[in-house]
Amino acid sequence: MQDLRERLARWAGYEPVVHARTPDKLQALRGLLAELGSPERGLRVVHIAGTNGKGMTAAMVDRLLSDAGATVARYSSPHVLDLSERFLLGGRPLPAAALARAGHRVLDLADRYAAGARLAYFDVLTAIALLAYAEAAPDWVVLETGIGGRADATNVTPKALAIITRIGWDHMPVLGNTLEAIAGEKLGIARPGVPLVVAAQPPALAGWLTEQARTLGVPLIWSSTHALRREGASAPGLDACRVSVAQHGTAIGELCLPAPWGTRARLESAATALTAVGQLLGTADSAAQLHRARLSLTTPVPGRLDLRRAVGLAGRAGVLWPLAVLDGGHNADALAALGEQLTAWGLDSYTLIFGSRADKLVAQAQPPLARLFRGATRIVTLPPQGPRVPDAQTLAIWVRTFLADQGIPVPVQACASAEQALAAAAADGPSTLVVAGSFWMLGPVMARLGDARGAPLTL
């Protein structure tokens, strides 16, 4: 596996900046797959695009199909701690030997192409996933797009069902500067006659998507066929929550769940996943629907509005933070959801470790950033790894300037490594820790966090 990681690392360096793509850019990937025997043709695919909620929805669909007795492969991005997280089979990372076998076979062919010009890094990863899954022959493959949809590498596959999660402002230089332009790229995964499940959308998009689907001959099913609503949410806190479940306007029952499972993002993703699985497997009776709803809402999705208790450092026993919230949401809607959830949990005073790529600090993200920063007693800045990132001092200067412009008197400390950032955060003594921003920052921090015994946090 180490040899494969090194070969993939070279490919990752070929394209340090994401460029806009048109569907003709997929021809090289199609040619590569043809040389591999067209592994994508035999797969039964559930394809997911959207701005926010893709990873959570994909994980829920995976779990629901698995619970029904199916074998499920899932391809998602980005990873939090390790590349193997992207390639799942039966809810676990693909066996190393199978991943290495598919990876080297793909790279042996891909290296003949003009590196970085015809095949992108994500194209290569997608080819590896499709080849490995064709060999494993699961009942279902859940594919999550990288960016967009129309020209995304995952869009070379046939599909049994498509899903579009909530659409918002992100990747504008690549996808467009209007919500309709962004939605048009996501809608590119749809196919005539193939059911398309769509999550709740901004009002401006709902009618537009309906009309576009009708024009394309795509059967559109809104996720509102399943309604999940948190009850008694007026008082913030971390107590158990009650969630009412309804289908087609008819109440089915109520679930009592620990508070972390009742976030708005989870409720929305669960409604989408339940609608999708209902299309694939058929409508279940009330008891089975409640079972599906509970399973979807309690699906672990690390690093996405991820609330942990009694958190310390890996390898060192003891609690440094009674509560920690870990979230890799880096765009406007995701940051707003984080701020909303912190308020719902009654967490209005915390130490914040924050890191973002430079191209994410856009105007649309600044109001939710201001809300997030106002709740902090101290902000520790930590640049993400990889391209398009500011250095430690540049990120800290941007945050200090933004705070001054907003009139938010919060001290800022610049750090260049996860170890430094956690040491700085621990200096505040027992408090709530919030780690927010890019997954490329969150991963190194999570890798160094542990439970009260010092055991690493589980994914």
Protein backbone atom coordinates (compact mmCIF):
# COMPACT_ATOMS: atom_id res chain seq x y z
CA MET A 1 0.00 0.00 0.00
CA GLN A 2 2.84 2.42 0.70
CA ASP A 3 4.01 2.17 -2.90
CA LEU A 4 0.47 2.95 -4.09
CA ARG A 5 0.25 5.95 -1.75
CA GLU A 6 3.51 7.31 -3.14
CA ARG A 7 2.36 6.90 -6.73
CA LEU A 8 -0.96 8.60 -5.94
CA ALA A 9 0.81 11.44 -4.14
CA ARG A 10 2.63 12.25 -7.37
CA TRP A 11 -0.68 12.42 -9.21
CA ALA A 12 -2.13 14.68 -6.50
CA GLY A 13 0.63 17.17 -7.20
CA TYR A 14 -0.14 17.49 -10.91
CA GLU A 15 -3.24 19.64 -10.38
CA PRO A 16 -2.72 22.03 -7.44
CA VAL A 17 -5.63 24.24 -8.53
CA VAL A 18 -9.11 23.00 -9.42
CA HIS A 19 -10.20 24.20 -12.85
CA ALA A 20 -13.63 24.40 -14.44
CA ARG A 21 -14.40 21.30 -16.50
CA THR A 22 -16.71 20.47 -19.36
CA PRO A 23 -18.00 16.95 -20.08
CA ASP A 24 -15.49 16.48 -22.91
CA LYS A 25 -12.80 16.33 -20.22
CA LEU A 26 -14.23 12.94 -19.25
CA GLN A 27 -13.12 11.37 -22.52
CA ALA A 28 -9.70 10.48 -21.15
CA LEU A 29 -11.27 8.74 -18.15
CA ARG A 30 -13.68 6.88 -20.42
CA GLY A 31 -10.72 5.76 -22.53
CA LEU A 32 -8.89 4.55 -19.45
CA LEU A 33 -11.95 2.64 -18.24
CA ALA A 34 -12.35 1.07 -21.67
CA GLU A 35 -8.77 -0.21 -21.45
CA LEU A 36 -9.65 -1.67 -18.04
CA GLY A 37 -12.59 -3.57 -19.52
CA SER A 38 -15.29 -0.97 -18.72
CA PRO A 39 -15.73 -1.99 -15.05
CA GLU A 40 -18.40 0.65 -14.51
CA ARG A 41 -20.91 -1.05 -16.82
CA GLY A 42 -21.78 -3.90 -14.47
CA LEU A 43 -22.35 -1.75 -11.38
CA ARG A 44 -25.74 -0.81 -9.93
CA VAL A 45 -25.12 2.79 -8.88
CA VAL A 46 -26.78 5.29 -6.57
CA HIS A 47 -25.20 8.61 -7.58
CA ILE A 48 -25.18 11.62 -5.22
CA ALA A 49 -24.40 15.27 -6.01
CA GLY A 50 -25.01 18.46 -4.05
CA THR A 51 -23.23 21.19 -2.11
CA ASN A 52 -23.85 20.01 1.44
CA GLY A 53 -25.00 16.71 2.91
CA LYS A 54 -23.54 14.40 0.25
CA GLY A 55 -21.32 12.45 2.62
CA MET A 56 -23.96 12.12 5.32
CA THR A 57 -26.66 11.09 2.84
CA ALA A 58 -24.32 8.57 1.19
CA ALA A 59 -23.47 7.01 4.56
CA MET A 60 -27.17 6.73 5.44
CA VAL A 61 -28.11 5.15 2.09
CA ASP A 62 -25.23 2.70 2.53
CA ARG A 63 -26.44 1.71 6.01
CA LEU A 64 -30.08 1.33 5.01
CA LEU A 65 -29.28 -0.85 2.00
CA SER A 66 -26.90 -2.93 4.11
CA ASP A 67 -29.56 -3.37 6.78
CA ALA A 68 -31.83 -4.77 4.07
CA GLY A 69 -29.27 -7.51 3.42
CA ALA A 70 -27.43 -6.01 0.44
CA THR A 71 -23.68 -5.76 0.02
CA VAL A 72 -22.81 -2.10 -0.53
CA ALA A 73 -19.69 -0.34 -1.76
CA ARG A 74 -19.29 3.39 -1.20
CA TYR A 75 -16.93 5.92 -2.75
CA SER A 76 -16.76 9.30 -1.04
CA SER A 77 -14.54 12.33 -0.53
CA PRO A 78 -12.69 13.88 1.06
CA HIS A 79 -11.19 11.56 3.64
CA VAL A 80 -10.58 12.72 7.21
CA LEU A 81 -7.59 10.68 8.38
CA ASP A 82 -6.62 8.25 5.65
CA LEU A 83 -7.15 7.79 1.91
CA SER A 84 -8.64 4.32 2.52
CA GLU A 85 -11.76 6.00 3.98
CA ARG A 86 -12.81 6.86 0.42
CA PHE A 87 -13.08 3.23 -0.66
CA LEU A 88 -15.58 1.32 1.48
CA LEU A 89 -17.10 -2.12 1.15
CA GLY A 90 -19.57 -3.42 3.69
CA GLY A 91 -19.06 -0.28 5.78
CA ARG A 92 -15.32 -0.86 6.17
CA PRO A 93 -12.29 0.21 4.14
CA LEU A 94 -11.69 -1.99 1.12
CA PRO A 95 -9.09 -4.68 1.93
CA ALA A 96 -5.61 -3.26 1.34
CA ALA A 97 -4.67 -5.98 -1.13
CA ALA A 98 -7.75 -5.34 -3.28
CA LEU A 99 -7.18 -1.58 -3.24
CA ALA A 100 -3.50 -1.95 -4.09
CA ARG A 101 -4.25 -4.39 -6.92
CA ALA A 102 -6.79 -2.05 -8.53
CA GLY A 103 -4.67 1.01 -7.84
CA HIS A 104 -1.50 -0.25 -9.50
CA ARG A 105 -3.40 -1.58 -12.49
CA VAL A 106 -5.05 1.82 -13.03
CA LEU A 107 -1.83 3.76 -12.52
CA ASP A 108 0.14 1.52 -14.87
CA LEU A 109 -2.24 2.65 -17.62
CA ALA A 110 -2.81 6.21 -16.39
CA ASP A 111 0.89 7.00 -16.35
CA ARG A 112 0.87 6.73 -20.15
CA TYR A 113 -1.41 9.76 -20.34
CA ALA A 114 -0.08 13.32 -20.21
CA ALA A 115 -0.02 13.62 -16.44
CA GLY A 116 -2.41 16.26 -15.15
CA ALA A 117 -3.47 17.37 -18.63
CA ARG A 118 -6.01 14.68 -19.57
CA LEU A 119 -6.57 12.81 -16.32
CA ALA A 120 -7.05 14.59 -13.00
CA TYR A 121 -6.17 13.09 -9.62
CA PHE A 122 -9.86 12.52 -8.84
CA ASP A 123 -10.30 10.79 -12.21
CA VAL A 124 -7.60 8.31 -11.23
CA LEU A 125 -9.12 7.70 -7.78
CA THR A 126 -12.53 7.16 -9.36
CA ALA A 127 -11.13 4.64 -11.85
CA ILE A 128 -9.50 2.75 -8.97
CA ALA A 129 -12.83 2.65 -7.09
CA LEU A 130 -14.79 1.44 -10.12
CA LEU A 131 -12.24 -1.26 -10.93
CA ALA A 132 -12.04 -2.48 -7.33
CA TYR A 133 -15.84 -2.53 -6.97
CA ALA A 134 -16.29 -4.40 -10.24
CA GLU A 135 -14.02 -7.10 -8.83
CA ALA A 136 -15.88 -7.15 -5.49
CA ALA A 137 -19.29 -7.28 -7.26
CA PRO A 138 -21.45 -5.68 -4.53
CA ASP A 139 -25.22 -5.42 -4.90
CA TRP A 140 -25.07 -1.62 -4.83
CA VAL A 141 -22.44 1.09 -5.31
CA VAL A 142 -23.04 4.49 -3.70
CA LEU A 143 -21.00 7.14 -5.51
CA GLU A 144 -20.50 10.64 -4.17
CA THR A 145 -19.41 13.33 -6.63
CA GLY A 146 -16.30 15.36 -5.97
CA ILE A 147 -17.21 18.80 -7.38
CA GLY A 148 -20.29 19.56 -9.45
CA GLY A 149 -21.75 16.62 -11.31
CA ARG A 150 -22.03 17.18 -15.05
CA ALA A 151 -18.28 16.88 -15.64
CA ASP A 152 -17.41 15.00 -12.46
CA ALA A 153 -15.45 11.77 -12.82
CA THR A 154 -18.22 9.76 -11.14
CA ASN A 155 -20.64 10.76 -13.91
CA VAL A 156 -19.24 8.16 -16.34
CA THR A 157 -21.32 5.39 -14.77
CA PRO A 158 -24.81 4.13 -15.51
CA LYS A 159 -27.12 4.62 -12.55
CA ALA A 160 -30.22 3.16 -10.98
CA LEU A 161 -31.02 6.28 -8.96
CA ALA A 162 -29.65 9.82 -8.62
CA ILE A 163 -29.80 12.09 -5.57
CA ILE A 164 -29.22 15.83 -5.27
CA THR A 165 -28.68 17.12 -1.74
CA ARG A 166 -29.00 20.76 -0.70
CA ILE A 167 -27.41 23.20 -3.16
CA GLY A 168 -25.61 26.32 -1.96
CA TRP A 169 -22.68 28.63 -2.56
CA ASP A 170 -19.39 26.80 -3.08
CA HIS A 171 -16.74 26.36 -5.80
CA MET A 172 -18.12 29.38 -7.68
CA PRO A 173 -15.03 29.83 -9.91
CA VAL A 174 -15.61 26.27 -11.14
CA LEU A 175 -19.40 25.87 -11.04
CA GLY A 176 -20.74 29.38 -11.64
CA ASN A 177 -21.78 32.51 -9.79
CA THR A 178 -25.53 31.90 -9.50
CA LEU A 179 -27.45 29.20 -7.66
CA GLU A 180 -29.06 28.14 -10.94
CA ALA A 181 -25.65 27.72 -12.59
CA ILE A 182 -24.41 25.64 -9.65
CA ALA A 183 -27.63 23.61 -9.63
CA GLY A 184 -27.27 23.03 -13.37
CA GLU A 185 -23.89 21.40 -12.82
CA LYS A 186 -25.34 19.17 -10.08
CA LEU A 187 -28.34 18.28 -12.25
CA GLY A 188 -25.90 16.96 -14.83
CA ILE A 189 -25.94 13.58 -13.05
CA ALA A 190 -29.63 13.10 -13.93
CA ARG A 191 -30.68 10.78 -16.76
CA PRO A 192 -34.00 10.52 -18.62
CA GLY A 193 -36.19 7.89 -17.01
CA VAL A 194 -33.91 7.43 -13.99
CA PRO A 195 -35.53 8.53 -10.69
CA LEU A 196 -33.99 11.63 -9.14
CA VAL A 197 -34.49 12.25 -5.41
CA VAL A 198 -33.98 15.90 -4.44
CA ALA A 199 -33.49 17.24 -0.92
CA ALA A 200 -35.10 20.42 0.36
CA GLN A 201 -33.71 23.37 -1.60
CA PRO A 202 -33.62 27.16 -1.34
CA PRO A 203 -37.03 28.47 -2.52
CA ALA A 204 -35.46 30.11 -5.56
CA LEU A 205 -34.36 26.71 -6.86
CA ALA A 206 -37.37 24.50 -6.19
CA GLY A 207 -39.46 25.58 -9.17
CA TRP A 208 -36.45 25.78 -11.45
CA LEU A 209 -35.36 22.23 -10.65
CA THR A 210 -38.90 20.91 -11.15
CA GLU A 211 -39.13 22.51 -14.58
CA GLN A 212 -35.65 21.35 -15.61
CA ALA A 213 -36.42 17.77 -14.60
CA ARG A 214 -39.66 17.83 -16.59
CA THR A 215 -37.81 19.11 -19.66
CA LEU A 216 -35.17 16.39 -19.34
CA GLY A 217 -37.69 13.61 -18.84
CA VAL A 218 -36.37 12.87 -15.34
CA PRO A 219 -38.83 11.54 -12.73
CA LEU A 220 -38.27 13.89 -9.77
CA ILE A 221 -39.14 12.86 -6.22
CA TRP A 222 -38.81 15.44 -3.44
CA SER A 223 -37.42 14.17 -0.14
CA SER A 224 -40.33 15.84 1.65
CA THR A 225 -42.25 12.59 1.07
CA HIS A 226 -40.53 11.72 4.36
CA ALA A 227 -40.80 14.37 7.07
CA LEU A 228 -38.61 14.21 10.16
CA ARG A 229 -38.98 16.99 12.69
CA ARG A 230 -37.31 17.52 16.02
CA GLU A 231 -39.91 18.17 18.70
CA GLY A 232 -39.54 20.40 21.74
CA ALA A 233 -36.43 22.11 20.42
CA SER A 234 -37.22 25.52 21.90
CA ALA A 235 -34.93 25.00 24.90
CA PRO A 236 -31.29 24.53 23.89
CA GLY A 237 -29.26 21.79 25.45
CA LEU A 238 -27.75 18.36 25.13
CA ASP A 239 -30.60 16.28 26.51
CA ALA A 240 -32.23 13.55 24.44
CA CYS A 241 -34.47 14.78 21.64
CA ARG A 242 -37.76 13.54 20.23
CA VAL A 243 -38.13 13.24 16.46
CA SER A 244 -41.50 12.82 14.79
CA VAL A 245 -41.57 10.73 11.61
CA ALA A 246 -44.16 11.09 8.85
CA GLN A 247 -44.54 9.75 5.32
CA HIS A 248 -46.66 11.39 2.63
CA GLY A 249 -48.19 13.60 5.32
CA THR A 250 -49.19 10.71 7.58
CA ALA A 251 -47.61 10.48 11.02
CA ILE A 252 -45.83 7.17 11.57
CA GLY A 253 -44.46 7.58 15.07
CA GLU A 254 -41.80 9.19 17.22
CA LEU A 255 -38.19 8.40 18.08
CA CYS A 256 -36.28 9.33 21.22
CA LEU A 257 -32.61 9.87 20.39
CA PRO A 258 -29.48 11.31 22.02
CA ALA A 259 -29.17 15.01 21.18
CA PRO A 260 -26.24 14.69 18.72
CA TRP A 261 -28.40 12.62 16.36
CA GLY A 262 -31.14 15.25 16.06
CA THR A 263 -29.36 18.01 14.14
CA ARG A 264 -31.13 19.74 11.27
CA ALA A 265 -28.49 18.46 8.87
CA ARG A 266 -29.12 14.88 9.98
CA LEU A 267 -32.88 15.23 9.75
CA GLU A 268 -32.59 16.61 6.22
CA SER A 269 -30.12 13.97 5.08
CA ALA A 270 -32.18 11.19 6.66
CA ALA A 271 -35.32 12.32 4.85
CA THR A 272 -33.41 12.23 1.58
CA ALA A 273 -31.89 8.81 2.29
CA LEU A 274 -35.26 7.35 3.35
CA THR A 275 -36.91 8.64 0.19
CA ALA A 276 -34.12 7.21 -1.97
CA VAL A 277 -34.16 3.80 -0.32
CA GLY A 278 -37.94 3.73 -0.53
CA GLN A 279 -37.58 4.15 -4.29
CA LEU A 280 -35.04 1.32 -4.46
CA LEU A 281 -36.59 -1.18 -2.07
CA GLY A 282 -40.24 -0.17 -1.95
CA THR A 283 -42.39 1.32 0.77
CA ALA A 284 -42.17 -0.39 4.14
CA ASP A 285 -44.79 -0.62 6.90
CA SER A 286 -44.77 1.85 9.80
CA ALA A 287 -42.61 -0.26 12.10
CA ALA A 288 -40.04 -0.79 9.36
CA GLN A 289 -40.11 2.91 8.48
CA LEU A 290 -39.40 3.86 12.09
CA HIS A 291 -36.56 1.33 12.10
CA ARG A 292 -35.14 2.85 8.91
CA ALA A 293 -35.49 6.36 10.32
CA ARG A 294 -33.64 5.41 13.52
CA LEU A 295 -30.87 3.69 11.55
CA SER A 296 -30.35 6.64 9.24
CA LEU A 297 -30.36 9.25 12.01
CA THR A 298 -27.84 7.29 14.09
CA THR A 299 -25.41 6.61 11.24
CA PRO A 300 -21.92 7.74 12.35
CA VAL A 301 -20.41 10.37 10.04
CA PRO A 302 -17.12 11.51 11.61
CA GLY A 303 -16.19 15.14 11.28
CA ARG A 304 -19.65 16.36 10.31
CA LEU A 305 -21.35 18.16 13.23
CA ASP A 306 -19.57 15.53 15.28
CA LEU A 307 -20.17 16.03 19.05
CA ARG A 308 -17.81 14.12 21.35
CA ARG A 309 -17.66 14.02 25.16
CA ALA A 310 -14.62 13.72 27.44
CA VAL A 311 -11.95 14.40 24.83
CA GLY A 312 -8.22 14.54 25.43
CA LEU A 313 -5.09 13.71 23.49
CA ALA A 314 -4.33 10.35 21.93
CA GLY A 315 -1.78 8.43 23.98
CA ARG A 316 -2.38 10.50 27.10
CA ALA A 317 -5.07 9.64 29.67
CA GLY A 318 -7.21 12.46 31.01
CA VAL A 319 -9.91 14.85 29.85
CA LEU A 320 -8.87 18.21 28.45
CA TRP A 321 -12.24 19.15 26.93
CA PRO A 322 -15.54 17.97 28.43
CA LEU A 323 -17.14 18.57 25.04
CA ALA A 324 -15.68 18.82 21.54
CA VAL A 325 -17.47 19.60 18.27
CA LEU A 326 -15.61 18.57 15.10
CA ASP A 327 -16.92 19.83 11.77
CA GLY A 328 -15.36 19.96 8.30
CA GLY A 329 -18.01 22.23 6.79
CA HIS A 330 -16.17 24.97 4.93
CA ASN A 331 -18.82 26.79 2.88
CA ALA A 332 -21.51 29.30 3.81
CA ASP A 333 -24.36 26.86 4.39
CA ALA A 334 -22.22 24.40 6.34
CA LEU A 335 -20.82 27.15 8.56
CA ALA A 336 -24.35 28.45 9.16
CA ALA A 337 -25.50 24.94 10.11
CA LEU A 338 -22.61 24.68 12.57
CA GLY A 339 -23.47 28.00 14.20
CA GLU A 340 -27.14 27.04 14.40
CA GLN A 341 -26.27 23.71 15.99
CA LEU A 342 -23.92 25.18 18.55
CA THR A 343 -26.77 27.46 19.62
CA ALA A 344 -29.22 24.54 19.72
CA TRP A 345 -26.81 22.63 21.96
CA GLY A 346 -26.42 25.67 24.23
CA LEU A 347 -22.70 26.00 23.42
CA ASP A 348 -22.06 29.74 23.30
CA SER A 349 -18.56 29.88 24.80
CA TYR A 350 -15.75 27.76 23.38
CA THR A 351 -12.16 27.62 22.25
CA LEU A 352 -12.11 27.54 18.45
CA ILE A 353 -9.50 25.96 16.20
CA PHE A 354 -10.22 27.29 12.73
CA GLY A 355 -8.61 26.64 9.37
CA SER A 356 -9.73 27.38 5.84
CA ARG A 357 -8.40 27.42 2.31
CA ALA A 358 -8.03 30.90 0.89
CA ASP A 359 -10.71 30.38 -1.78
CA LYS A 360 -13.33 29.55 0.86
CA LEU A 361 -13.18 32.93 2.62
CA VAL A 362 -15.73 34.45 0.24
CA ALA A 363 -18.43 37.03 0.95
CA GLN A 364 -21.22 34.46 1.37
CA ALA A 365 -19.26 32.69 4.14
CA GLN A 366 -18.56 35.80 6.18
CA PRO A 367 -21.90 36.23 8.06
CA PRO A 368 -21.83 32.64 9.43
CA LEU A 369 -18.11 33.06 10.19
CA ALA A 370 -18.91 36.16 12.25
CA ARG A 371 -21.51 34.16 14.20
CA LEU A 372 -19.04 31.34 14.79
CA PHE A 373 -16.27 33.72 15.89
CA ARG A 374 -18.53 35.62 18.32
CA GLY A 375 -19.00 32.51 20.43
CA ALA A 376 -15.26 31.93 20.80
CA THR A 377 -13.24 32.95 23.83
CA ARG A 378 -10.08 32.37 21.81
CA ILE A 379 -9.43 31.54 18.14
CA VAL A 380 -6.49 29.35 17.21
CA THR A 381 -5.82 29.48 13.48
CA LEU A 382 -4.37 26.45 11.72
CA PRO A 383 -3.96 26.38 7.92
CA PRO A 384 -5.15 23.23 6.16
CA GLN A 385 -2.73 20.98 4.38
CA GLY A 386 -2.45 20.97 0.59
CA PRO A 387 -2.74 23.59 -2.17
CA ARG A 388 -4.65 26.88 -2.18
CA VAL A 389 -3.92 27.49 1.52
CA PRO A 390 -2.65 30.60 3.25
CA ASP A 391 0.39 30.27 5.49
CA ALA A 392 -0.07 30.43 9.26
CA GLN A 393 0.49 34.16 9.63
CA THR A 394 -1.58 35.10 6.57
CA LEU A 395 -4.60 33.17 7.86
CA ALA A 396 -4.26 34.72 11.33
CA ILE A 397 -3.98 38.22 9.82
CA TRP A 398 -7.14 37.63 7.77
CA VAL A 399 -9.04 36.48 10.87
CA ARG A 400 -7.78 39.41 13.01
CA THR A 401 -8.74 41.90 10.30
CA PHE A 402 -12.16 40.33 9.91
CA LEU A 403 -12.74 40.39 13.68
CA ALA A 404 -11.76 44.05 13.84
CA ASP A 405 -14.11 44.93 10.98
CA GLN A 406 -16.94 43.07 12.73
CA GLY A 407 -16.19 44.54 16.17
CA ILE A 408 -15.54 41.12 17.72
CA PRO A 409 -12.91 41.35 20.52
CA VAL A 410 -11.52 37.80 20.48
CA PRO A 411 -7.78 37.02 20.77
CA VAL A 412 -6.21 35.10 17.87
CA GLN A 413 -3.20 32.81 18.04
CA ALA A 414 -1.51 31.55 14.86
CA CYS A 415 -0.26 27.96 14.78
CA ALA A 416 1.46 26.02 12.03
CA SER A 417 0.82 22.44 13.19
CA ALA A 418 -1.96 20.40 14.79
CA GLU A 419 0.24 19.76 17.84
CA GLN A 420 0.75 23.50 18.36
CA ALA A 421 -2.94 24.25 17.84
CA LEU A 422 -4.08 21.66 20.39
CA ALA A 423 -1.50 22.84 22.92
CA ALA A 424 -2.74 26.40 22.48
CA ALA A 425 -6.37 25.31 22.85
CA ALA A 426 -5.57 23.30 25.98
CA ALA A 427 -4.05 26.36 27.62
CA ASP A 428 -7.56 27.70 28.22
CA GLY A 429 -8.23 24.90 30.71
CA PRO A 430 -11.38 22.72 30.70
CA SER A 431 -13.80 24.21 28.18
CA THR A 432 -15.69 23.30 25.04
CA LEU A 433 -13.47 22.78 22.01
CA VAL A 434 -14.76 23.51 18.50
CA VAL A 435 -12.63 22.49 15.51
CA ALA A 436 -14.10 23.91 12.31
CA GLY A 437 -13.26 24.61 8.70
CA SER A 438 -11.53 22.53 6.09
CA PHE A 439 -11.35 18.72 6.29
CA TRP A 440 -7.68 19.14 5.37
CA MET A 441 -7.19 20.88 8.73
CA LEU A 442 -9.66 18.76 10.70
CA GLY A 443 -8.00 15.44 9.83
CA PRO A 444 -4.59 16.17 11.38
CA VAL A 445 -6.29 17.55 14.52
CA MET A 446 -8.61 14.53 14.87
CA ALA A 447 -5.65 12.19 14.44
CA ARG A 448 -4.20 13.60 17.65
CA LEU A 449 -7.36 13.59 19.76
CA GLY A 450 -8.33 10.74 22.08
CA ASP A 451 -10.91 9.75 24.65
CA ALA A 452 -10.45 9.91 28.42
CA ARG A 453 -8.29 6.75 28.35
CA GLY A 454 -6.02 8.19 25.68
CA ALA A 455 -7.39 5.89 22.96
CA PRO A 456 -7.58 7.61 19.53
CA LEU A 457 -10.98 8.94 18.52
CA THR A 458 -12.81 6.38 16.43
CA LEU A 459 -13.93 7.10 12.90
